[in-house]
């Protein structure tokens, strides 16, 4: 079963929330999905690279805490091959890979 994690209502890069708070929110949601038996994380409709990073880090922390690894899939909004904030896809992948 796939569990979706959406973009939320605030973006750290716009100063609306701290990176740590955004990451922790994703972690709490991911912990709930893991407890519910999720087999895949679907991180979707991401609008910002820092938001994607927060989601991926939160998911990784939740999996480490649970002692369980499941695949993660991340999608974002792109226009003309660049991220909404101008990040090229290769740079985005490098950023969220760690």
PDB file of N, CA and C in Angstrom:
ATOM      1  N   UNK A   1       0.844  -1.155   0.000  1.00  0.00           N
ATOM      2  CA  UNK A   1       0.000   0.000   0.000  1.00  0.00           C
ATOM      3  C   UNK A   1       0.900   1.231   0.000  1.00  0.00           C
ATOM      4  N   UNK A   2       0.605   2.189  -0.880  1.00  0.00           N
ATOM      5  CA  UNK A   2       1.346   3.441  -0.931  1.00  0.00           C
ATOM      6  C   UNK A   2       0.736   4.477  -0.009  1.00  0.00           C
ATOM      7  N   UNK A   3       1.584   5.237   0.658  1.00  0.00           N
ATOM      8  CA  UNK A   3       1.125   6.308   1.536  1.00  0.00           C
ATOM      9  C   UNK A   3       1.616   7.643   1.017  1.00  0.00           C
ATOM     10  N   UNK A   4       0.706   8.557   0.752  1.00  0.00           N
ATOM     11  CA  UNK A   4       1.050   9.855   0.155  1.00  0.00           C
ATOM     12  C   UNK A   4       1.417  10.878   1.219  1.00  0.00           C
ATOM     13  N   UNK A   5       2.448  11.638   0.920  1.00  0.00           N
ATOM     14  CA  UNK A   5       2.865  12.790   1.713  1.00  0.00           C
ATOM     15  C   UNK A   5       2.868  13.982   0.767  1.00  0.00           C
ATOM     16  N   UNK A   6       1.951  14.904   0.983  1.00  0.00           N
ATOM     17  CA  UNK A   6       1.815  16.056   0.100  1.00  0.00           C
ATOM     18  C   UNK A   6       2.670  17.236   0.528  1.00  0.00           C
ATOM     19  N   UNK A   7       2.494  18.358  -0.165  1.00  0.00           N
ATOM     20  CA  UNK A   7       3.389  19.495   0.030  1.00  0.00           C
ATOM     21  C   UNK A   7       3.147  20.315   1.289  1.00  0.00           C
ATOM     22  N   UNK A   8       2.026  20.203   1.931  1.00  0.00           N
ATOM     23  CA  UNK A   8       1.765  21.058   3.092  1.00  0.00           C
ATOM     24  C   UNK A   8       1.382  22.466   2.671  1.00  0.00           C
ATOM     25  N   UNK A   9       1.302  23.360   3.632  1.00  0.00           N
ATOM     26  CA  UNK A   9       0.846  24.723   3.359  1.00  0.00           C
ATOM     27  C   UNK A   9       1.924  25.778   3.537  1.00  0.00           C
ATOM     28  N   UNK A  10       3.107  25.379   4.025  1.00  0.00           N
ATOM     29  CA  UNK A  10       4.194  26.330   4.257  1.00  0.00           C
ATOM     30  C   UNK A  10       5.474  25.822   3.636  1.00  0.00           C
ATOM     31  N   UNK A  11       6.338  26.750   3.210  1.00  0.00           N
ATOM     32  CA  UNK A  11       7.587  26.405   2.543  1.00  0.00           C
ATOM     33  C   UNK A  11       8.751  27.070   3.285  1.00  0.00           C
ATOM     34  N   UNK A  12       9.743  26.266   3.671  1.00  0.00           N
ATOM     35  CA  UNK A  12      10.895  26.775   4.431  1.00  0.00           C
ATOM     36  C   UNK A  12      11.683  27.821   3.649  1.00  0.00           C
ATOM     37  N   UNK A  13      11.866  27.610   2.364  1.00  0.00           N
ATOM     38  CA  UNK A  13      12.680  28.551   1.587  1.00  0.00           C
ATOM     39  C   UNK A  13      12.029  29.929   1.455  1.00  0.00           C
ATOM     40  N   UNK A  14      10.721  30.009   1.746  1.00  0.00           N
ATOM     41  CA  UNK A  14      10.032  31.309   1.748  1.00  0.00           C
ATOM     42  C   UNK A  14       9.956  31.903   3.153  1.00  0.00           C
ATOM     43  N   UNK A  15      10.562  31.205   4.127  1.00  0.00           N
ATOM     44  CA  UNK A  15      10.579  31.695   5.495  1.00  0.00           C
ATOM     45  C   UNK A  15       9.274  31.490   6.246  1.00  0.00           C
ATOM     46  N   UNK A  16       8.394  30.674   5.714  1.00  0.00           N
ATOM     47  CA  UNK A  16       7.096  30.443   6.348  1.00  0.00           C
ATOM     48  C   UNK A  16       7.170  29.411   7.466  1.00  0.00           C
ATOM     49  N   UNK A  17       8.232  28.607   7.484  1.00  0.00           N
ATOM     50  CA  UNK A  17       8.434  27.542   8.462  1.00  0.00           C
ATOM     51  C   UNK A  17       9.927  27.228   8.455  1.00  0.00           C
ATOM     52  N   UNK A  18      10.458  26.736   9.564  1.00  0.00           N
ATOM     53  CA  UNK A  18      11.869  26.344   9.573  1.00  0.00           C
ATOM     54  C   UNK A  18      12.031  24.994   8.884  1.00  0.00           C
ATOM     55  N   UNK A  19      13.239  24.735   8.378  1.00  0.00           N
ATOM     56  CA  UNK A  19      13.509  23.439   7.766  1.00  0.00           C
ATOM     57  C   UNK A  19      13.248  22.323   8.775  1.00  0.00           C
ATOM     58  N   UNK A  20      13.710  22.504  10.020  1.00  0.00           N
ATOM     59  CA  UNK A  20      13.544  21.473  11.047  1.00  0.00           C
ATOM     60  C   UNK A  20      12.072  21.179  11.312  1.00  0.00           C
ATOM     61  N   UNK A  21      11.250  22.215  11.388  1.00  0.00           N
ATOM     62  CA  UNK A  21       9.814  22.000  11.628  1.00  0.00           C
ATOM     63  C   UNK A  21       9.167  21.289  10.449  1.00  0.00           C
ATOM     64  N   UNK A  22       9.555  21.668   9.240  1.00  0.00           N
ATOM     65  CA  UNK A  22       8.994  21.012   8.055  1.00  0.00           C
ATOM     66  C   UNK A  22       9.417  19.546   8.018  1.00  0.00           C
ATOM     67  N   UNK A  23      10.698  19.299   8.249  1.00  0.00           N
ATOM     68  CA  UNK A  23      11.221  17.924   8.281  1.00  0.00           C
ATOM     69  C   UNK A  23      10.519  17.101   9.349  1.00  0.00           C
ATOM     70  N   UNK A  24      10.371  17.674  10.547  1.00  0.00           N
ATOM     71  CA  UNK A  24       9.744  16.950  11.646  1.00  0.00           C
ATOM     72  C   UNK A  24       8.281  16.625  11.348  1.00  0.00           C
ATOM     73  N   UNK A  25       7.600  17.520  10.658  1.00  0.00           N
ATOM     74  CA  UNK A  25       6.216  17.253  10.262  1.00  0.00           C
ATOM     75  C   UNK A  25       6.114  16.076   9.313  1.00  0.00           C
ATOM     76  N   UNK A  26       7.022  16.030   8.346  1.00  0.00           N
ATOM     77  CA  UNK A  26       7.048  14.887   7.437  1.00  0.00           C
ATOM     78  C   UNK A  26       7.392  13.604   8.193  1.00  0.00           C
ATOM     79  N   UNK A  27       8.306  13.703   9.160  1.00  0.00           N
ATOM     80  CA  UNK A  27       8.681  12.520   9.921  1.00  0.00           C
ATOM     81  C   UNK A  27       7.490  11.961  10.699  1.00  0.00           C
ATOM     82  N   UNK A  28       6.747  12.826  11.366  1.00  0.00           N
ATOM     83  CA  UNK A  28       5.571  12.380  12.128  1.00  0.00           C
ATOM     84  C   UNK A  28       4.563  11.692  11.201  1.00  0.00           C
ATOM     85  N   UNK A  29       4.321  12.292  10.047  1.00  0.00           N
ATOM     86  CA  UNK A  29       3.382  11.695   9.090  1.00  0.00           C
ATOM     87  C   UNK A  29       3.902  10.342   8.597  1.00  0.00           C
ATOM     88  N   UNK A  30       5.199  10.272   8.319  1.00  0.00           N
ATOM     89  CA  UNK A  30       5.788   9.020   7.840  1.00  0.00           C
ATOM     90  C   UNK A  30       5.735   7.938   8.912  1.00  0.00           C
ATOM     91  N   UNK A  31       5.937   8.326  10.161  1.00  0.00           N
ATOM     92  CA  UNK A  31       5.837   7.351  11.254  1.00  0.00           C
ATOM     93  C   UNK A  31       4.427   6.759  11.318  1.00  0.00           C
ATOM     94  N   UNK A  32       3.428   7.597  11.135  1.00  0.00           N
ATOM     95  CA  UNK A  32       2.045   7.108  11.129  1.00  0.00           C
ATOM     96  C   UNK A  32       1.780   6.168   9.979  1.00  0.00           C
ATOM     97  N   UNK A  33       2.311   6.505   8.812  1.00  0.00           N
ATOM     98  CA  UNK A  33       2.122   5.631   7.652  1.00  0.00           C
ATOM     99  C   UNK A  33       2.830   4.292   7.850  1.00  0.00           C
ATOM    100  N   UNK A  34       4.025   4.324   8.425  1.00  0.00           N
ATOM    101  CA  UNK A  34       4.735   3.071   8.696  1.00  0.00           C
ATOM    102  C   UNK A  34       3.957   2.210   9.695  1.00  0.00           C
ATOM    103  N   UNK A  35       3.433   2.838  10.729  1.00  0.00           N
ATOM    104  CA  UNK A  35       2.640   2.100  11.724  1.00  0.00           C
ATOM    105  C   UNK A  35       1.394   1.488  11.086  1.00  0.00           C
ATOM    106  N   UNK A  36       0.892   2.140  10.049  1.00  0.00           N
ATOM    107  CA  UNK A  36      -0.284   1.635   9.344  1.00  0.00           C
ATOM    108  C   UNK A  36       0.034   0.582   8.295  1.00  0.00           C
ATOM    109  N   UNK A  37       1.313   0.282   8.094  1.00  0.00           N
ATOM    110  CA  UNK A  37       1.700  -0.791   7.181  1.00  0.00           C
ATOM    111  C   UNK A  37       2.043  -0.356   5.767  1.00  0.00           C
ATOM    112  N   UNK A  38       2.408   0.898   5.576  1.00  0.00           N
ATOM    113  CA  UNK A  38       2.745   1.384   4.242  1.00  0.00           C
ATOM    114  C   UNK A  38       3.885   0.564   3.624  1.00  0.00           C
ATOM    115  N   UNK A  39       3.814   0.354   2.318  1.00  0.00           N
ATOM    116  CA  UNK A  39       4.850  -0.369   1.579  1.00  0.00           C
ATOM    117  C   UNK A  39       5.635   0.546   0.642  1.00  0.00           C
ATOM    118  N   UNK A  40       5.184   1.785   0.492  1.00  0.00           N
ATOM    119  CA  UNK A  40       5.807   2.753  -0.408  1.00  0.00           C
ATOM    120  C   UNK A  40       5.420   4.156   0.041  1.00  0.00           C
ATOM    121  N   UNK A  41       6.397   5.043   0.148  1.00  0.00           N
ATOM    122  CA  UNK A  41       6.104   6.450   0.390  1.00  0.00           C
ATOM    123  C   UNK A  41       5.984   7.163  -0.951  1.00  0.00           C
ATOM    124  N   UNK A  42       4.910   7.899  -1.124  1.00  0.00           N
ATOM    125  CA  UNK A  42       4.692   8.684  -2.336  1.00  0.00           C
ATOM    126  C   UNK A  42       4.733  10.155  -1.911  1.00  0.00           C
ATOM    127  N   UNK A  43       5.880  10.777  -2.106  1.00  0.00           N
ATOM    128  CA  UNK A  43       6.054  12.191  -1.783  1.00  0.00           C
ATOM    129  C   UNK A  43       5.689  12.945  -3.053  1.00  0.00           C
ATOM    130  N   UNK A  44       4.577  13.698  -2.986  1.00  0.00           N
ATOM    131  CA  UNK A  44       3.998  14.204  -4.231  1.00  0.00           C
ATOM    132  C   UNK A  44       3.721  15.706  -4.209  1.00  0.00           C
ATOM    133  N   UNK A  45       3.687  16.238  -5.402  1.00  0.00           N
ATOM    134  CA  UNK A  45       3.343  17.638  -5.665  1.00  0.00           C
ATOM    135  C   UNK A  45       4.263  18.610  -4.932  1.00  0.00           C
ATOM    136  N   UNK A  46       5.514  18.238  -4.815  1.00  0.00           N
ATOM    137  CA  UNK A  46       6.497  19.094  -4.150  1.00  0.00           C
ATOM    138  C   UNK A  46       6.769  20.305  -5.037  1.00  0.00           C
ATOM    139  N   UNK A  47       6.805  21.475  -4.415  1.00  0.00           N
ATOM    140  CA  UNK A  47       6.948  22.728  -5.162  1.00  0.00           C
ATOM    141  C   UNK A  47       8.299  23.391  -4.981  1.00  0.00           C
ATOM    142  N   UNK A  48       9.130  22.857  -4.101  1.00  0.00           N
ATOM    143  CA  UNK A  48      10.359  23.540  -3.723  1.00  0.00           C
ATOM    144  C   UNK A  48      11.415  22.498  -3.356  1.00  0.00           C
ATOM    145  N   UNK A  49      12.657  22.740  -3.725  1.00  0.00           N
ATOM    146  CA  UNK A  49      13.727  21.781  -3.480  1.00  0.00           C
ATOM    147  C   UNK A  49      13.956  21.553  -1.992  1.00  0.00           C
ATOM    148  N   UNK A  50      13.921  22.591  -1.187  1.00  0.00           N
ATOM    149  CA  UNK A  50      14.113  22.434   0.249  1.00  0.00           C
ATOM    150  C   UNK A  50      12.970  21.625   0.858  1.00  0.00           C
ATOM    151  N   UNK A  51      11.780  21.784   0.322  1.00  0.00           N
ATOM    152  CA  UNK A  51      10.626  21.005   0.764  1.00  0.00           C
ATOM    153  C   UNK A  51      10.837  19.519   0.439  1.00  0.00           C
ATOM    154  N   UNK A  52      11.358  19.225  -0.731  1.00  0.00           N
ATOM    155  CA  UNK A  52      11.655  17.844  -1.107  1.00  0.00           C
ATOM    156  C   UNK A  52      12.695  17.250  -0.173  1.00  0.00           C
ATOM    157  N   UNK A  53      13.717  18.027   0.132  1.00  0.00           N
ATOM    158  CA  UNK A  53      14.765  17.575   1.044  1.00  0.00           C
ATOM    159  C   UNK A  53      14.173  17.298   2.426  1.00  0.00           C
ATOM    160  N   UNK A  54      13.328  18.197   2.930  1.00  0.00           N
ATOM    161  CA  UNK A  54      12.700  18.000   4.240  1.00  0.00           C
ATOM    162  C   UNK A  54      11.875  16.719   4.257  1.00  0.00           C
ATOM    163  N   UNK A  55      11.130  16.481   3.195  1.00  0.00           N
ATOM    164  CA  UNK A  55      10.301  15.278   3.113  1.00  0.00           C
ATOM    165  C   UNK A  55      11.164  14.017   3.102  1.00  0.00           C
ATOM    166  N   UNK A  56      12.196  14.011   2.284  1.00  0.00           N
ATOM    167  CA  UNK A  56      13.055  12.832   2.187  1.00  0.00           C
ATOM    168  C   UNK A  56      13.785  12.564   3.502  1.00  0.00           C
ATOM    169  N   UNK A  57      14.293  13.610   4.137  1.00  0.00           N
ATOM    170  CA  UNK A  57      14.986  13.430   5.419  1.00  0.00           C
ATOM    171  C   UNK A  57      13.998  12.944   6.480  1.00  0.00           C
ATOM    172  N   UNK A  58      12.802  13.524   6.502  1.00  0.00           N
ATOM    173  CA  UNK A  58      11.787  13.090   7.455  1.00  0.00           C
ATOM    174  C   UNK A  58      11.420  11.631   7.282  1.00  0.00           C
ATOM    175  N   UNK A  59      11.251  11.204   6.055  1.00  0.00           N
ATOM    176  CA  UNK A  59      10.925   9.808   5.752  1.00  0.00           C
ATOM    177  C   UNK A  59      12.072   8.899   6.176  1.00  0.00           C
ATOM    178  N   UNK A  60      13.306   9.289   5.876  1.00  0.00           N
ATOM    179  CA  UNK A  60      14.461   8.461   6.260  1.00  0.00           C
ATOM    180  C   UNK A  60      14.576   8.336   7.774  1.00  0.00           C
ATOM    181  N   UNK A  61      14.323   9.429   8.479  1.00  0.00           N
ATOM    182  CA  UNK A  61      14.378   9.394   9.944  1.00  0.00           C
ATOM    183  C   UNK A  61      13.276   8.496  10.504  1.00  0.00           C
ATOM    184  N   UNK A  62      12.091   8.558   9.935  1.00  0.00           N
ATOM    185  CA  UNK A  62      10.991   7.702  10.384  1.00  0.00           C
ATOM    186  C   UNK A  62      11.323   6.228  10.165  1.00  0.00           C
ATOM    187  N   UNK A  63      11.904   5.912   9.012  1.00  0.00           N
ATOM    188  CA  UNK A  63      12.265   4.522   8.738  1.00  0.00           C
ATOM    189  C   UNK A  63      13.349   4.039   9.692  1.00  0.00           C
ATOM    190  N   UNK A  64      14.334   4.893   9.974  1.00  0.00           N
ATOM    191  CA  UNK A  64      15.394   4.520  10.917  1.00  0.00           C
ATOM    192  C   UNK A  64      14.809   4.268  12.305  1.00  0.00           C
ATOM    193  N   UNK A  65      13.910   5.124  12.726  1.00  0.00           N
ATOM    194  CA  UNK A  65      13.273   4.976  14.035  1.00  0.00           C
ATOM    195  C   UNK A  65      12.458   3.686  14.123  1.00  0.00           C
ATOM    196  N   UNK A  66      11.780   3.346  13.031  1.00  0.00           N
ATOM    197  CA  UNK A  66      10.938   2.144  12.999  1.00  0.00           C
ATOM    198  C   UNK A  66      11.742   0.874  12.734  1.00  0.00           C
ATOM    199  N   UNK A  67      12.982   1.043  12.283  1.00  0.00           N
ATOM    200  CA  UNK A  67      13.788  -0.124  11.931  1.00  0.00           C
ATOM    201  C   UNK A  67      13.258  -0.847  10.715  1.00  0.00           C
ATOM    202  N   UNK A  68      12.637  -0.089   9.828  1.00  0.00           N
ATOM    203  CA  UNK A  68      12.005  -0.661   8.631  1.00  0.00           C
ATOM    204  C   UNK A  68      12.258   0.254   7.437  1.00  0.00           C
ATOM    205  N   UNK A  69      12.663  -0.333   6.335  1.00  0.00           N
ATOM    206  CA  UNK A  69      12.920   0.425   5.117  1.00  0.00           C
ATOM    207  C   UNK A  69      11.876   0.077   4.063  1.00  0.00           C
ATOM    208  N   UNK A  70      11.307   1.098   3.440  1.00  0.00           N
ATOM    209  CA  UNK A  70      10.406   0.906   2.313  1.00  0.00           C
ATOM    210  C   UNK A  70      10.829   1.886   1.215  1.00  0.00           C
ATOM    211  N   UNK A  71      10.517   1.604  -0.034  1.00  0.00           N
ATOM    212  CA  UNK A  71      10.884   2.526  -1.116  1.00  0.00           C
ATOM    213  C   UNK A  71      10.160   3.873  -0.973  1.00  0.00           C
ATOM    214  N   UNK A  72      10.797   4.892  -1.522  1.00  0.00           N
ATOM    215  CA  UNK A  72      10.205   6.230  -1.563  1.00  0.00           C
ATOM    216  C   UNK A  72      10.201   6.726  -2.993  1.00  0.00           C
ATOM    217  N   UNK A  73       9.121   7.393  -3.359  1.00  0.00           N
ATOM    218  CA  UNK A  73       8.983   7.986  -4.690  1.00  0.00           C
ATOM    219  C   UNK A  73       8.659   9.459  -4.488  1.00  0.00           C
ATOM    220  N   UNK A  74       9.371  10.315  -5.185  1.00  0.00           N
ATOM    221  CA  UNK A  74       9.170  11.759  -5.011  1.00  0.00           C
ATOM    222  C   UNK A  74       8.874  12.398  -6.359  1.00  0.00           C
ATOM    223  N   UNK A  75       7.813  13.188  -6.421  1.00  0.00           N
ATOM    224  CA  UNK A  75       7.508  13.941  -7.637  1.00  0.00           C
ATOM    225  C   UNK A  75       7.417  15.413  -7.278  1.00  0.00           C
ATOM    226  N   UNK A  76       7.636  16.239  -8.256  1.00  0.00           N
ATOM    227  CA  UNK A  76       7.514  17.674  -8.011  1.00  0.00           C
ATOM    228  C   UNK A  76       6.866  18.344  -9.213  1.00  0.00           C
ATOM    229  N   UNK A  77       6.640  19.605  -9.070  1.00  0.00           N
ATOM    230  CA  UNK A  77       6.038  20.380 -10.152  1.00  0.00           C
ATOM    231  C   UNK A  77       7.153  20.998 -10.990  1.00  0.00           C
ATOM    232  N   UNK A  78       7.151  20.714 -12.279  1.00  0.00           N
ATOM    233  CA  UNK A  78       8.191  21.237 -13.186  1.00  0.00           C
ATOM    234  C   UNK A  78       7.534  21.965 -14.336  1.00  0.00           C
ATOM    235  N   UNK A  79       8.255  22.948 -14.826  1.00  0.00           N
ATOM    236  CA  UNK A  79       7.807  23.683 -16.003  1.00  0.00           C
ATOM    237  C   UNK A  79       9.022  23.952 -16.871  1.00  0.00           C
ATOM    238  N   UNK A  80       9.001  23.509 -18.085  1.00  0.00           N
ATOM    239  CA  UNK A  80      10.103  23.701 -19.031  1.00  0.00           C
ATOM    240  C   UNK A  80      11.416  23.132 -18.505  1.00  0.00           C
ATOM    241  N   UNK A  81      11.360  21.929 -17.938  1.00  0.00           N
ATOM    242  CA  UNK A  81      12.519  21.160 -17.475  1.00  0.00           C
ATOM    243  C   UNK A  81      13.241  21.783 -16.291  1.00  0.00           C
ATOM    244  N   UNK A  82      12.718  22.794 -15.673  1.00  0.00           N
ATOM    245  CA  UNK A  82      13.335  23.373 -14.475  1.00  0.00           C
ATOM    246  C   UNK A  82      12.309  23.401 -13.356  1.00  0.00           C
ATOM    247  N   UNK A  83      12.799  23.275 -12.154  1.00  0.00           N
ATOM    248  CA  UNK A  83      11.924  23.333 -10.985  1.00  0.00           C
ATOM    249  C   UNK A  83      11.296  24.712 -10.907  1.00  0.00           C
ATOM    250  N   UNK A  84      10.190  24.810 -10.219  1.00  0.00           N
ATOM    251  CA  UNK A  84       9.482  26.085 -10.098  1.00  0.00           C
ATOM    252  C   UNK A  84      10.401  27.200  -9.610  1.00  0.00           C
ATOM    253  N   UNK A  85      11.422  26.857  -8.849  1.00  0.00           N
ATOM    254  CA  UNK A  85      12.361  27.868  -8.360  1.00  0.00           C
ATOM    255  C   UNK A  85      13.681  27.832  -9.119  1.00  0.00           C
ATOM    256  N   UNK A  86      13.719  27.210 -10.288  1.00  0.00           N
ATOM    257  CA  UNK A  86      14.874  27.274 -11.173  1.00  0.00           C
ATOM    258  C   UNK A  86      15.914  26.187 -11.016  1.00  0.00           C
ATOM    259  N   UNK A  87      15.676  25.149 -10.255  1.00  0.00           N
ATOM    260  CA  UNK A  87      16.660  24.100 -10.049  1.00  0.00           C
ATOM    261  C   UNK A  87      16.571  23.062 -11.158  1.00  0.00           C
ATOM    262  N   UNK A  88      17.669  22.769 -11.789  1.00  0.00           N
ATOM    263  CA  UNK A  88      17.743  21.744 -12.817  1.00  0.00           C
ATOM    264  C   UNK A  88      17.563  20.380 -12.158  1.00  0.00           C
ATOM    265  N   UNK A  89      16.958  19.425 -12.848  1.00  0.00           N
ATOM    266  CA  UNK A  89      16.598  18.132 -12.277  1.00  0.00           C
ATOM    267  C   UNK A  89      17.796  17.361 -11.717  1.00  0.00           C
ATOM    268  N   UNK A  90      18.942  17.409 -12.382  1.00  0.00           N
ATOM    269  CA  UNK A  90      20.134  16.711 -11.887  1.00  0.00           C
ATOM    270  C   UNK A  90      20.585  17.261 -10.542  1.00  0.00           C
ATOM    271  N   UNK A  91      20.555  18.575 -10.399  1.00  0.00           N
ATOM    272  CA  UNK A  91      20.928  19.199  -9.130  1.00  0.00           C
ATOM    273  C   UNK A  91      19.929  18.828  -8.041  1.00  0.00           C
ATOM    274  N   UNK A  92      18.668  18.763  -8.404  1.00  0.00           N
ATOM    275  CA  UNK A  92      17.630  18.388  -7.436  1.00  0.00           C
ATOM    276  C   UNK A  92      17.852  16.962  -6.936  1.00  0.00           C
ATOM    277  N   UNK A  93      18.144  16.048  -7.833  1.00  0.00           N
ATOM    278  CA  UNK A  93      18.381  14.656  -7.443  1.00  0.00           C
ATOM    279  C   UNK A  93      19.585  14.536  -6.530  1.00  0.00           C
ATOM    280  N   UNK A  94      20.641  15.268  -6.847  1.00  0.00           N
ATOM    281  CA  UNK A  94      21.836  15.260  -6.002  1.00  0.00           C
ATOM    282  C   UNK A  94      21.513  15.776  -4.608  1.00  0.00           C
ATOM    283  N   UNK A  95      20.707  16.809  -4.517  1.00  0.00           N
ATOM    284  CA  UNK A  95      20.364  17.416  -3.228  1.00  0.00           C
ATOM    285  C   UNK A  95      19.563  16.472  -2.345  1.00  0.00           C
ATOM    286  N   UNK A  96      18.578  15.790  -2.904  1.00  0.00           N
ATOM    287  CA  UNK A  96      17.733  14.930  -2.064  1.00  0.00           C
ATOM    288  C   UNK A  96      18.282  13.532  -1.879  1.00  0.00           C
ATOM    289  N   UNK A  97      19.367  13.186  -2.588  1.00  0.00           N
ATOM    290  CA  UNK A  97      19.923  11.848  -2.508  1.00  0.00           C
ATOM    291  C   UNK A  97      20.538  11.559  -1.143  1.00  0.00           C
ATOM    292  N   UNK A  98      20.920  12.560  -0.406  1.00  0.00           N
ATOM    293  CA  UNK A  98      21.570  12.355   0.902  1.00  0.00           C
ATOM    294  C   UNK A  98      20.696  12.816   2.023  1.00  0.00           C
TER     295      UNK A  98
END
